[in-house]
Amino acid sequence: MQAFHNNPEVKSALLAKLASTEAASQIIPKTLTWDGETGSVVGFLTQGESLDAWEQQTGLPAWLALLVDTLAASVAIDAAGQPAPLSHAAVATALLAAVPLGAEPRHAGATLIQRLLQDGELRQFAAPGDAALSQTIEAVAALHAQTCSDSAPSPAQWRALRKAATAMVDQLKGRVDRQLGGSIEAACWDPALSATTVSDTLRSWFYAVDAQSEQACGWATADDELVRTRLDSLYKEAVKTVPAEDIDVFALYEAQYPEEAQRTQAFFASVKATRGQALLLVLKAAEQSLAGA
C-alpha cells in the first residue's frame, strides 16, 4: 500500500476537503462515525464508517485512520500555546500532510508508540511511579523498536509481553499508574497487524495525563462527588420555579458556593491546559513518525 496511492491529486483533494467550510461544521469529536451530515474526521473524508473504504480511498493504513480520529477528538477547546482554538480539521491536516507521497507508513505506528513511552517531554505528563511499571514500559518500547528493524518480533514474543504486562498492571495501586498501565497493555500488539493499537494506547495515555493533572491539583474523587451533588441539588431546587431550559446551574453554583466554584473552575482550566500541551507534543511526535515513514 502506497500513501495516497502515490498520486498527488489524492493527497491534495484530502487536504482541500479538510480546509473547506464543510469541515468546520460537519466534523465532530467522535471516532469512525458518519450519520450523513456530521461525523468524525475519517467519517467526513470517506462519507462513511468503513476502514476498508478509508484504505481504498486514501492508500493509508487503518491504524492511521483511528489515530487521526483519536487525536482530532482529543482537541482541547483552547489548546495551550495556541492563539486560537486548534480545530479537529487542523489536527487531521497536520497528520496527513506529514505523510510523504507514496510512502508505506507500516512502522510509523510502532515508532510513535516508542516515542510516547520514552520521550522525556512526553513522560513528564504521565510519569510512572511504580518500578515494575517503568521496567515494563521499557520492555514494550524495546519491542516496538525491534518491530521497525529487520528482525521483527515473533507472535510468541508479543504474547509473552502481553502476559507479563497484564500481570504487572493487576498489581498497580495509584490512579496514574493504573491508567498508564492500561496504555501499556494496549501497546502490547504490533500496530501493523492490529489497527486499534496506536489509538487505544494514546486514549489510555491521555487518561493518565488527566489523572496526573488531577493529582497535581489535589483533586480527589470526593471533590467530583461533591460537585455533582451540589449541581444536582441546585437544579432540583431551581426547576420547581424556573423552566428547565432557563436554568444555568453553574451560575447558581457560583452564586451560592463561590469558593467551591472558583476552585472547580481553576481545576478544570488546569486539566484542559495540560491536556492541550500534551496533545501538541503528541501531534509533533506523530508528525515526525509519519514523516520518517
C-alpha atoms as a PDB file:
ATOM      1  CA  MET A   1       0.000   0.000   0.000  1.00  0.00           C
ATOM      2  CA  GLN A   2       1.402   3.378  -1.050  1.00  0.00           C
ATOM      3  CA  ALA A   3       0.322   6.564   0.701  1.00  0.00           C
ATOM      4  CA  PHE A   4      -2.292   8.431  -1.337  1.00  0.00           C
ATOM      5  CA  HIS A   5      -1.810   5.733  -3.991  1.00  0.00           C
ATOM      6  CA  ASN A   6       1.322   7.680  -4.952  1.00  0.00           C
ATOM      7  CA  ASN A   7      -0.994  10.215  -6.561  1.00  0.00           C
ATOM      8  CA  PRO A   8      -0.510  13.881  -5.581  1.00  0.00           C
ATOM      9  CA  GLU A   9      -4.093  14.648  -6.573  1.00  0.00           C
ATOM     10  CA  VAL A  10      -5.426  12.252  -3.935  1.00  0.00           C
ATOM     11  CA  LYS A  11      -3.403  13.931  -1.199  1.00  0.00           C
ATOM     12  CA  SER A  12      -4.328  17.414  -2.395  1.00  0.00           C
ATOM     13  CA  ALA A  13      -8.026  16.522  -2.508  1.00  0.00           C
ATOM     14  CA  LEU A  14      -7.993  15.234   1.075  1.00  0.00           C
ATOM     15  CA  LEU A  15      -6.207  18.328   2.388  1.00  0.00           C
ATOM     16  CA  ALA A  16      -8.535  20.610   0.420  1.00  0.00           C
ATOM     17  CA  LYS A  17     -11.568  18.878   1.894  1.00  0.00           C
ATOM     18  CA  LEU A  18     -10.204  19.411   5.404  1.00  0.00           C
ATOM     19  CA  ALA A  19      -9.743  23.115   4.609  1.00  0.00           C
ATOM     20  CA  SER A  20     -13.322  23.506   3.350  1.00  0.00           C
ATOM     21  CA  THR A  21     -16.114  25.298   5.175  1.00  0.00           C
ATOM     22  CA  GLU A  22     -17.967  21.987   5.401  1.00  0.00           C
ATOM     23  CA  ALA A  23     -15.178  20.550   7.548  1.00  0.00           C
ATOM     24  CA  ALA A  24     -15.675  23.216  10.211  1.00  0.00           C
ATOM     25  CA  SER A  25     -19.389  22.470  10.553  1.00  0.00           C
ATOM     26  CA  GLN A  26     -19.552  18.737   9.894  1.00  0.00           C
ATOM     27  CA  ILE A  27     -16.586  17.321  11.852  1.00  0.00           C
ATOM     28  CA  ILE A  28     -17.350  16.442  15.465  1.00  0.00           C
ATOM     29  CA  PRO A  29     -15.134  14.864  18.179  1.00  0.00           C
ATOM     30  CA  LYS A  30     -16.016  11.235  17.531  1.00  0.00           C
ATOM     31  CA  THR A  31     -14.245   8.142  16.213  1.00  0.00           C
ATOM     32  CA  LEU A  32     -15.170   6.473  12.939  1.00  0.00           C
ATOM     33  CA  THR A  33     -18.699   7.848  12.725  1.00  0.00           C
ATOM     34  CA  TRP A  34     -20.800   9.404   9.956  1.00  0.00           C
ATOM     35  CA  ASP A  35     -24.574   9.963  10.000  1.00  0.00           C
ATOM     36  CA  GLY A  36     -24.855  11.629   6.611  1.00  0.00           C
ATOM     37  CA  GLU A  37     -24.455  15.152   7.988  1.00  0.00           C
ATOM     38  CA  THR A  38     -21.828  15.073  10.725  1.00  0.00           C
ATOM     39  CA  GLY A  39     -19.137  12.701  11.883  1.00  0.00           C
ATOM     40  CA  SER A  40     -15.515  12.160  12.743  1.00  0.00           C
ATOM     41  CA  VAL A  41     -12.670  13.313  10.517  1.00  0.00           C
ATOM     42  CA  VAL A  42     -12.438   9.911   8.845  1.00  0.00           C
ATOM     43  CA  GLY A  43     -16.215   9.713   8.504  1.00  0.00           C
ATOM     44  CA  PHE A  44     -16.253  13.162   6.909  1.00  0.00           C
ATOM     45  CA  LEU A  45     -13.436  12.352   4.469  1.00  0.00           C
ATOM     46  CA  THR A  46     -14.862   8.992   3.387  1.00  0.00           C
ATOM     47  CA  GLN A  47     -18.565   9.784   3.884  1.00  0.00           C
ATOM     48  CA  GLY A  48     -18.875   6.517   5.762  1.00  0.00           C
ATOM     49  CA  GLU A  49     -17.698   4.373   8.665  1.00  0.00           C
ATOM     50  CA  SER A  50     -15.575   1.759   6.926  1.00  0.00           C
ATOM     51  CA  LEU A  51     -11.855   1.350   7.494  1.00  0.00           C
ATOM     52  CA  ASP A  52     -11.703  -0.636   4.258  1.00  0.00           C
ATOM     53  CA  ALA A  53     -13.120   2.370   2.425  1.00  0.00           C
ATOM     54  CA  TRP A  54     -10.502   4.590   4.092  1.00  0.00           C
ATOM     55  CA  GLU A  55      -7.688   2.367   2.841  1.00  0.00           C
ATOM     56  CA  GLN A  56      -9.187   2.150  -0.642  1.00  0.00           C
ATOM     57  CA  GLN A  57      -9.742   5.899  -0.962  1.00  0.00           C
ATOM     58  CA  THR A  58      -6.541   7.167   0.666  1.00  0.00           C
ATOM     59  CA  GLY A  59      -3.935   4.433   0.337  1.00  0.00           C
ATOM     60  CA  LEU A  60      -3.283   4.841   4.079  1.00  0.00           C
ATOM     61  CA  PRO A  61      -3.426   2.101   6.739  1.00  0.00           C
ATOM     62  CA  ALA A  62      -6.420   1.604   9.024  1.00  0.00           C
ATOM     63  CA  TRP A  63      -4.422   2.345  12.196  1.00  0.00           C
ATOM     64  CA  LEU A  64      -3.699   5.833  10.851  1.00  0.00           C
ATOM     65  CA  ALA A  65      -7.426   6.475  10.360  1.00  0.00           C
ATOM     66  CA  LEU A  66      -8.066   5.665  14.007  1.00  0.00           C
ATOM     67  CA  LEU A  67      -5.076   7.780  15.070  1.00  0.00           C
ATOM     68  CA  VAL A  68      -6.409  10.753  13.100  1.00  0.00           C
ATOM     69  CA  ASP A  69      -9.846  10.471  14.697  1.00  0.00           C
ATOM     70  CA  THR A  70      -8.460   9.880  18.202  1.00  0.00           C
ATOM     71  CA  LEU A  71      -6.151  12.903  18.150  1.00  0.00           C
ATOM     72  CA  ALA A  72      -8.735  15.126  16.469  1.00  0.00           C
ATOM     73  CA  ALA A  73     -11.283  14.161  19.134  1.00  0.00           C
ATOM     74  CA  SER A  74      -8.737  14.936  21.880  1.00  0.00           C
ATOM     75  CA  VAL A  75      -8.519  18.615  20.938  1.00  0.00           C
ATOM     76  CA  ALA A  76      -8.989  20.908  23.910  1.00  0.00           C
ATOM     77  CA  ILE A  77     -11.208  23.917  23.296  1.00  0.00           C
ATOM     78  CA  ASP A  78      -8.269  26.196  23.912  1.00  0.00           C
ATOM     79  CA  ALA A  79      -5.126  24.135  23.452  1.00  0.00           C
ATOM     80  CA  ALA A  80      -2.308  25.721  25.433  1.00  0.00           C
ATOM     81  CA  GLY A  81       0.156  27.730  23.405  1.00  0.00           C
ATOM     82  CA  GLN A  82      -2.269  28.381  20.558  1.00  0.00           C
ATOM     83  CA  PRO A  83      -3.566  31.870  19.764  1.00  0.00           C
ATOM     84  CA  ALA A  84      -6.868  30.360  18.656  1.00  0.00           C
ATOM     85  CA  PRO A  85      -8.619  27.012  19.218  1.00  0.00           C
ATOM     86  CA  LEU A  86      -6.893  24.093  17.495  1.00  0.00           C
ATOM     87  CA  SER A  87      -9.574  22.634  15.266  1.00  0.00           C
ATOM     88  CA  HIS A  88     -10.275  18.959  14.626  1.00  0.00           C
ATOM     89  CA  ALA A  89      -9.554  19.529  10.927  1.00  0.00           C
ATOM     90  CA  ALA A  90      -6.236  21.228  11.753  1.00  0.00           C
ATOM     91  CA  VAL A  91      -5.036  18.152  13.644  1.00  0.00           C
ATOM     92  CA  ALA A  92      -6.008  15.859  10.775  1.00  0.00           C
ATOM     93  CA  THR A  93      -4.364  18.184   8.258  1.00  0.00           C
ATOM     94  CA  ALA A  94      -1.086  18.158  10.154  1.00  0.00           C
ATOM     95  CA  LEU A  95      -1.044  14.355  10.274  1.00  0.00           C
ATOM     96  CA  LEU A  96      -1.931  13.750   6.626  1.00  0.00           C
ATOM     97  CA  ALA A  97       0.397  16.482   5.371  1.00  0.00           C
ATOM     98  CA  ALA A  98       3.279  14.798   7.220  1.00  0.00           C
ATOM     99  CA  VAL A  99       2.947  11.532   5.274  1.00  0.00           C
ATOM    100  CA  PRO A 100       5.275  11.520   2.241  1.00  0.00           C
ATOM    101  CA  LEU A 101       3.572  10.807  -1.056  1.00  0.00           C
ATOM    102  CA  GLY A 102       3.914   7.144  -1.984  1.00  0.00           C
ATOM    103  CA  ALA A 103       5.375   6.139   1.403  1.00  0.00           C
ATOM    104  CA  GLU A 104       4.428   2.928   3.158  1.00  0.00           C
ATOM    105  CA  PRO A 105       3.967   4.012   6.812  1.00  0.00           C
ATOM    106  CA  ARG A 106       3.788   0.432   8.070  1.00  0.00           C
ATOM    107  CA  HIS A 107       6.103   1.007  11.020  1.00  0.00           C
ATOM    108  CA  ALA A 108       5.237   4.624  11.826  1.00  0.00           C
ATOM    109  CA  GLY A 109       2.755   3.458  14.472  1.00  0.00           C
ATOM    110  CA  ALA A 110       5.424   1.490  16.314  1.00  0.00           C
ATOM    111  CA  THR A 111       7.771   4.473  16.085  1.00  0.00           C
ATOM    112  CA  LEU A 112       5.119   6.751  17.595  1.00  0.00           C
ATOM    113  CA  ILE A 113       4.456   4.372  20.486  1.00  0.00           C
ATOM    114  CA  GLN A 114       8.179   4.116  21.171  1.00  0.00           C
ATOM    115  CA  ARG A 115       8.407   7.915  21.283  1.00  0.00           C
ATOM    116  CA  LEU A 116       5.349   8.152  23.512  1.00  0.00           C
ATOM    117  CA  LEU A 117       6.896   5.778  26.033  1.00  0.00           C
ATOM    118  CA  GLN A 118      10.469   7.049  26.007  1.00  0.00           C
ATOM    119  CA  ASP A 119      10.421  10.749  25.094  1.00  0.00           C
ATOM    120  CA  GLY A 120      11.379  12.822  28.131  1.00  0.00           C
ATOM    121  CA  GLU A 121       8.982  15.687  27.378  1.00  0.00           C
ATOM    122  CA  LEU A 122       6.041  13.364  26.937  1.00  0.00           C
ATOM    123  CA  ARG A 123       6.815  11.267  30.017  1.00  0.00           C
ATOM    124  CA  GLN A 124       6.520  14.301  32.269  1.00  0.00           C
ATOM    125  CA  PHE A 125       2.786  14.374  31.536  1.00  0.00           C
ATOM    126  CA  ALA A 126       2.242  10.807  32.768  1.00  0.00           C
ATOM    127  CA  ALA A 127       5.205   9.681  34.832  1.00  0.00           C
ATOM    128  CA  PRO A 128       5.193   6.119  36.202  1.00  0.00           C
ATOM    129  CA  GLY A 129       5.578   5.837  39.961  1.00  0.00           C
ATOM    130  CA  ASP A 130       5.928   2.070  40.152  1.00  0.00           C
ATOM    131  CA  ALA A 131       9.312   0.489  39.395  1.00  0.00           C
ATOM    132  CA  ALA A 132       7.792  -2.593  37.759  1.00  0.00           C
ATOM    133  CA  LEU A 133       5.681  -0.357  35.528  1.00  0.00           C
ATOM    134  CA  SER A 134       8.787   1.574  34.454  1.00  0.00           C
ATOM    135  CA  GLN A 135      10.545  -1.671  33.552  1.00  0.00           C
ATOM    136  CA  THR A 136       7.549  -2.888  31.550  1.00  0.00           C
ATOM    137  CA  ILE A 137       7.374   0.420  29.691  1.00  0.00           C
ATOM    138  CA  GLU A 138      10.985  -0.041  28.603  1.00  0.00           C
ATOM    139  CA  ALA A 139      10.292  -3.640  27.546  1.00  0.00           C
ATOM    140  CA  VAL A 140       7.294  -2.572  25.451  1.00  0.00           C
ATOM    141  CA  ALA A 141       9.254   0.290  23.874  1.00  0.00           C
ATOM    142  CA  ALA A 142      12.095  -2.103  23.030  1.00  0.00           C
ATOM    143  CA  LEU A 143       9.752  -4.498  21.238  1.00  0.00           C
ATOM    144  CA  HIS A 144       8.288  -1.649  19.186  1.00  0.00           C
ATOM    145  CA  ALA A 145      11.813  -0.568  18.292  1.00  0.00           C
ATOM    146  CA  GLN A 146      12.517  -4.140  17.179  1.00  0.00           C
ATOM    147  CA  THR A 147       9.345  -4.023  15.059  1.00  0.00           C
ATOM    148  CA  CYS A 148      10.946  -1.283  12.985  1.00  0.00           C
ATOM    149  CA  SER A 149      14.093  -3.334  12.392  1.00  0.00           C
ATOM    150  CA  ASP A 150      14.794  -6.229  10.066  1.00  0.00           C
ATOM    151  CA  SER A 151      14.206  -8.760  12.869  1.00  0.00           C
ATOM    152  CA  ALA A 152      10.538  -8.225  13.725  1.00  0.00           C
ATOM    153  CA  PRO A 153       9.286  -9.786  16.998  1.00  0.00           C
ATOM    154  CA  SER A 154       7.559 -13.134  16.728  1.00  0.00           C
ATOM    155  CA  PRO A 155       3.913 -13.597  17.764  1.00  0.00           C
ATOM    156  CA  ALA A 156       5.228 -15.562  20.764  1.00  0.00           C
ATOM    157  CA  GLN A 157       7.231 -12.535  21.916  1.00  0.00           C
ATOM    158  CA  TRP A 158       4.151 -10.310  21.775  1.00  0.00           C
ATOM    159  CA  ARG A 159       2.098 -12.900  23.685  1.00  0.00           C
ATOM    160  CA  ALA A 160       4.739 -13.192  26.391  1.00  0.00           C
ATOM    161  CA  LEU A 161       4.904  -9.418  26.721  1.00  0.00           C
ATOM    162  CA  ARG A 162       1.108  -9.113  26.997  1.00  0.00           C
ATOM    163  CA  LYS A 163       1.004 -11.801  29.675  1.00  0.00           C
ATOM    164  CA  ALA A 164       3.718 -10.115  31.731  1.00  0.00           C
ATOM    165  CA  ALA A 165       2.179  -6.664  31.298  1.00  0.00           C
ATOM    166  CA  THR A 166      -1.282  -7.843  32.358  1.00  0.00           C
ATOM    167  CA  ALA A 167       0.115  -9.496  35.490  1.00  0.00           C
ATOM    168  CA  MET A 168       2.047  -6.336  36.362  1.00  0.00           C
ATOM    169  CA  VAL A 169      -0.898  -3.972  35.755  1.00  0.00           C
ATOM    170  CA  ASP A 170      -3.125  -6.058  38.042  1.00  0.00           C
ATOM    171  CA  GLN A 171      -0.808  -5.133  40.939  1.00  0.00           C
ATOM    172  CA  LEU A 172      -0.771  -1.361  40.367  1.00  0.00           C
ATOM    173  CA  LYS A 173      -2.302   0.885  43.017  1.00  0.00           C
ATOM    174  CA  GLY A 174      -2.181   4.603  42.157  1.00  0.00           C
ATOM    175  CA  ARG A 175      -4.657   6.056  39.653  1.00  0.00           C
ATOM    176  CA  VAL A 176      -1.968   7.496  37.375  1.00  0.00           C
ATOM    177  CA  ASP A 177      -0.108   4.186  37.303  1.00  0.00           C
ATOM    178  CA  ARG A 178      -3.319   2.237  36.657  1.00  0.00           C
ATOM    179  CA  GLN A 179      -4.277   4.443  33.713  1.00  0.00           C
ATOM    180  CA  LEU A 180      -0.727   4.315  32.384  1.00  0.00           C
ATOM    181  CA  GLY A 181      -0.806   0.555  32.851  1.00  0.00           C
ATOM    182  CA  GLY A 182      -3.896   0.412  30.643  1.00  0.00           C
ATOM    183  CA  SER A 183      -1.966   2.279  27.979  1.00  0.00           C
ATOM    184  CA  ILE A 184       0.887  -0.217  28.241  1.00  0.00           C
ATOM    185  CA  GLU A 185      -1.472  -3.179  27.902  1.00  0.00           C
ATOM    186  CA  ALA A 186      -2.942  -1.609  24.763  1.00  0.00           C
ATOM    187  CA  ALA A 187       0.576  -1.130  23.374  1.00  0.00           C
ATOM    188  CA  CYS A 188       1.432  -4.842  23.568  1.00  0.00           C
ATOM    189  CA  TRP A 189       0.462  -5.504  19.963  1.00  0.00           C
ATOM    190  CA  ASP A 190       2.107  -4.854  16.614  1.00  0.00           C
ATOM    191  CA  PRO A 191       0.368  -1.749  15.177  1.00  0.00           C
ATOM    192  CA  ALA A 192       0.896  -3.041  11.647  1.00  0.00           C
ATOM    193  CA  LEU A 193      -1.264  -6.075  12.499  1.00  0.00           C
ATOM    194  CA  SER A 194      -3.758  -4.532  14.942  1.00  0.00           C
ATOM    195  CA  ALA A 195      -5.423  -1.331  13.736  1.00  0.00           C
ATOM    196  CA  THR A 196      -6.509  -0.235  17.225  1.00  0.00           C
ATOM    197  CA  THR A 197      -3.102  -0.491  18.939  1.00  0.00           C
ATOM    198  CA  VAL A 198      -1.935   3.097  18.450  1.00  0.00           C
ATOM    199  CA  SER A 199      -5.289   4.784  19.101  1.00  0.00           C
ATOM    200  CA  ASP A 200      -6.065   2.657  22.184  1.00  0.00           C
ATOM    201  CA  THR A 201      -2.582   3.288  23.574  1.00  0.00           C
ATOM    202  CA  LEU A 202      -2.966   7.037  23.146  1.00  0.00           C
ATOM    203  CA  ARG A 203      -6.507   7.146  24.525  1.00  0.00           C
ATOM    204  CA  SER A 204      -5.440   5.465  27.766  1.00  0.00           C
ATOM    205  CA  TRP A 205      -2.310   7.612  27.894  1.00  0.00           C
ATOM    206  CA  PHE A 206      -4.442  10.766  27.799  1.00  0.00           C
ATOM    207  CA  TYR A 207      -6.470   9.342  30.710  1.00  0.00           C
ATOM    208  CA  ALA A 208      -3.191   9.024  32.607  1.00  0.00           C
ATOM    209  CA  VAL A 209      -2.324  12.628  31.732  1.00  0.00           C
ATOM    210  CA  ASP A 210      -5.666  13.763  33.151  1.00  0.00           C
ATOM    211  CA  ALA A 211      -5.166  11.646  36.278  1.00  0.00           C
ATOM    212  CA  GLN A 212      -1.751  13.188  36.900  1.00  0.00           C
ATOM    213  CA  SER A 213      -3.224  16.675  36.413  1.00  0.00           C
ATOM    214  CA  GLU A 214      -5.943  15.911  38.948  1.00  0.00           C
ATOM    215  CA  GLN A 215      -3.354  14.624  41.394  1.00  0.00           C
ATOM    216  CA  ALA A 216      -1.220  17.747  40.948  1.00  0.00           C
ATOM    217  CA  CYS A 217      -4.252  19.940  41.662  1.00  0.00           C
ATOM    218  CA  GLY A 218      -5.120  17.988  44.799  1.00  0.00           C
ATOM    219  CA  TRP A 219      -8.412  16.947  43.244  1.00  0.00           C
ATOM    220  CA  ALA A 220      -9.927  13.710  44.528  1.00  0.00           C
ATOM    221  CA  THR A 221     -12.955  11.507  43.873  1.00  0.00           C
ATOM    222  CA  ALA A 222     -14.680  13.179  46.812  1.00  0.00           C
ATOM    223  CA  ASP A 223     -14.394  16.521  45.006  1.00  0.00           C
ATOM    224  CA  ASP A 224     -16.129  15.092  41.940  1.00  0.00           C
ATOM    225  CA  GLU A 225     -18.898  13.693  44.094  1.00  0.00           C
ATOM    226  CA  LEU A 226     -19.348  17.000  45.932  1.00  0.00           C
ATOM    227  CA  VAL A 227     -19.641  18.996  42.693  1.00  0.00           C
ATOM    228  CA  ARG A 228     -22.160  16.528  41.248  1.00  0.00           C
ATOM    229  CA  THR A 229     -24.195  16.626  44.460  1.00  0.00           C
ATOM    230  CA  ARG A 230     -24.184  20.440  44.543  1.00  0.00           C
ATOM    231  CA  LEU A 231     -25.233  20.789  40.898  1.00  0.00           C
ATOM    232  CA  ASP A 232     -27.932  18.152  41.204  1.00  0.00           C
ATOM    233  CA  SER A 233     -29.364  19.780  44.323  1.00  0.00           C
ATOM    234  CA  LEU A 234     -29.302  23.267  42.783  1.00  0.00           C
ATOM    235  CA  TYR A 235     -31.048  22.030  39.649  1.00  0.00           C
ATOM    236  CA  LYS A 236     -33.777  20.191  41.567  1.00  0.00           C
ATOM    237  CA  GLU A 237     -34.487  23.279  43.644  1.00  0.00           C
ATOM    238  CA  ALA A 238     -34.452  25.670  40.692  1.00  0.00           C
ATOM    239  CA  VAL A 239     -36.698  23.567  38.460  1.00  0.00           C
ATOM    240  CA  LYS A 240     -39.508  23.976  40.983  1.00  0.00           C
ATOM    241  CA  THR A 241     -39.955  27.599  39.916  1.00  0.00           C
ATOM    242  CA  VAL A 242     -37.944  28.071  36.692  1.00  0.00           C
ATOM    243  CA  PRO A 243     -38.395  26.340  33.301  1.00  0.00           C
ATOM    244  CA  ALA A 244     -35.630  23.759  32.807  1.00  0.00           C
ATOM    245  CA  GLU A 245     -34.354  25.430  29.630  1.00  0.00           C
ATOM    246  CA  ASP A 246     -33.770  28.690  31.540  1.00  0.00           C
ATOM    247  CA  ILE A 247     -31.688  27.183  34.339  1.00  0.00           C
ATOM    248  CA  ASP A 248     -27.967  27.981  34.414  1.00  0.00           C
ATOM    249  CA  VAL A 249     -26.894  25.598  37.131  1.00  0.00           C
ATOM    250  CA  PHE A 250     -23.267  26.726  37.008  1.00  0.00           C
ATOM    251  CA  ALA A 251     -24.288  30.341  37.588  1.00  0.00           C
ATOM    252  CA  LEU A 252     -26.281  29.175  40.603  1.00  0.00           C
ATOM    253  CA  TYR A 253     -23.251  27.244  41.815  1.00  0.00           C
ATOM    254  CA  GLU A 254     -21.055  30.336  41.545  1.00  0.00           C
ATOM    255  CA  ALA A 255     -23.630  32.451  43.394  1.00  0.00           C
ATOM    256  CA  GLN A 256     -24.251  30.073  46.278  1.00  0.00           C
ATOM    257  CA  TYR A 257     -20.853  28.406  46.633  1.00  0.00           C
ATOM    258  CA  PRO A 258     -18.370  30.950  45.241  1.00  0.00           C
ATOM    259  CA  GLU A 259     -15.207  29.469  46.772  1.00  0.00           C
ATOM    260  CA  GLU A 260     -16.052  25.943  45.651  1.00  0.00           C
ATOM    261  CA  ALA A 261     -16.967  27.180  42.165  1.00  0.00           C
ATOM    262  CA  GLN A 262     -13.714  29.118  41.846  1.00  0.00           C
ATOM    263  CA  ARG A 263     -11.665  26.063  42.837  1.00  0.00           C
ATOM    264  CA  THR A 264     -13.637  23.860  40.435  1.00  0.00           C
ATOM    265  CA  GLN A 265     -13.151  26.282  37.537  1.00  0.00           C
ATOM    266  CA  ALA A 266      -9.422  26.562  38.265  1.00  0.00           C
ATOM    267  CA  PHE A 267      -9.142  22.778  38.346  1.00  0.00           C
ATOM    268  CA  PHE A 268     -10.874  22.245  35.002  1.00  0.00           C
ATOM    269  CA  ALA A 269      -8.860  25.051  33.405  1.00  0.00           C
ATOM    270  CA  SER A 270      -5.618  23.462  34.598  1.00  0.00           C
ATOM    271  CA  VAL A 271      -6.556  19.987  33.351  1.00  0.00           C
ATOM    272  CA  LYS A 272      -7.639  21.408  29.993  1.00  0.00           C
ATOM    273  CA  ALA A 273      -4.415  23.390  29.586  1.00  0.00           C
ATOM    274  CA  THR A 274      -2.275  20.369  30.442  1.00  0.00           C
ATOM    275  CA  ARG A 275      -4.235  18.178  28.026  1.00  0.00           C
ATOM    276  CA  GLY A 276      -3.683  20.815  25.331  1.00  0.00           C
ATOM    277  CA  GLN A 277       0.058  20.896  25.932  1.00  0.00           C
ATOM    278  CA  ALA A 278       0.260  17.112  25.859  1.00  0.00           C
ATOM    279  CA  LEU A 279      -1.758  16.956  22.640  1.00  0.00           C
ATOM    280  CA  LEU A 280       0.571  19.375  20.883  1.00  0.00           C
ATOM    281  CA  LEU A 281       3.612  17.270  21.804  1.00  0.00           C
ATOM    282  CA  VAL A 282       1.907  14.027  20.744  1.00  0.00           C
ATOM    283  CA  LEU A 283       0.896  15.643  17.473  1.00  0.00           C
ATOM    284  CA  LYS A 284       4.502  16.695  16.902  1.00  0.00           C
ATOM    285  CA  ALA A 285       5.731  13.163  17.664  1.00  0.00           C
ATOM    286  CA  ALA A 286       3.138  11.715  15.302  1.00  0.00           C
ATOM    287  CA  GLU A 287       4.130  14.081  12.500  1.00  0.00           C
ATOM    288  CA  GLN A 288       7.784  13.140  12.942  1.00  0.00           C
ATOM    289  CA  SER A 289       6.971   9.433  12.957  1.00  0.00           C
ATOM    290  CA  LEU A 290       4.886   9.720   9.799  1.00  0.00           C
ATOM    291  CA  ALA A 291       7.389  11.950   8.018  1.00  0.00           C
ATOM    292  CA  GLY A 292      10.062   9.291   8.510  1.00  0.00           C
ATOM    293  CA  ALA A 293       7.917   6.551   7.032  1.00  0.00           C
END
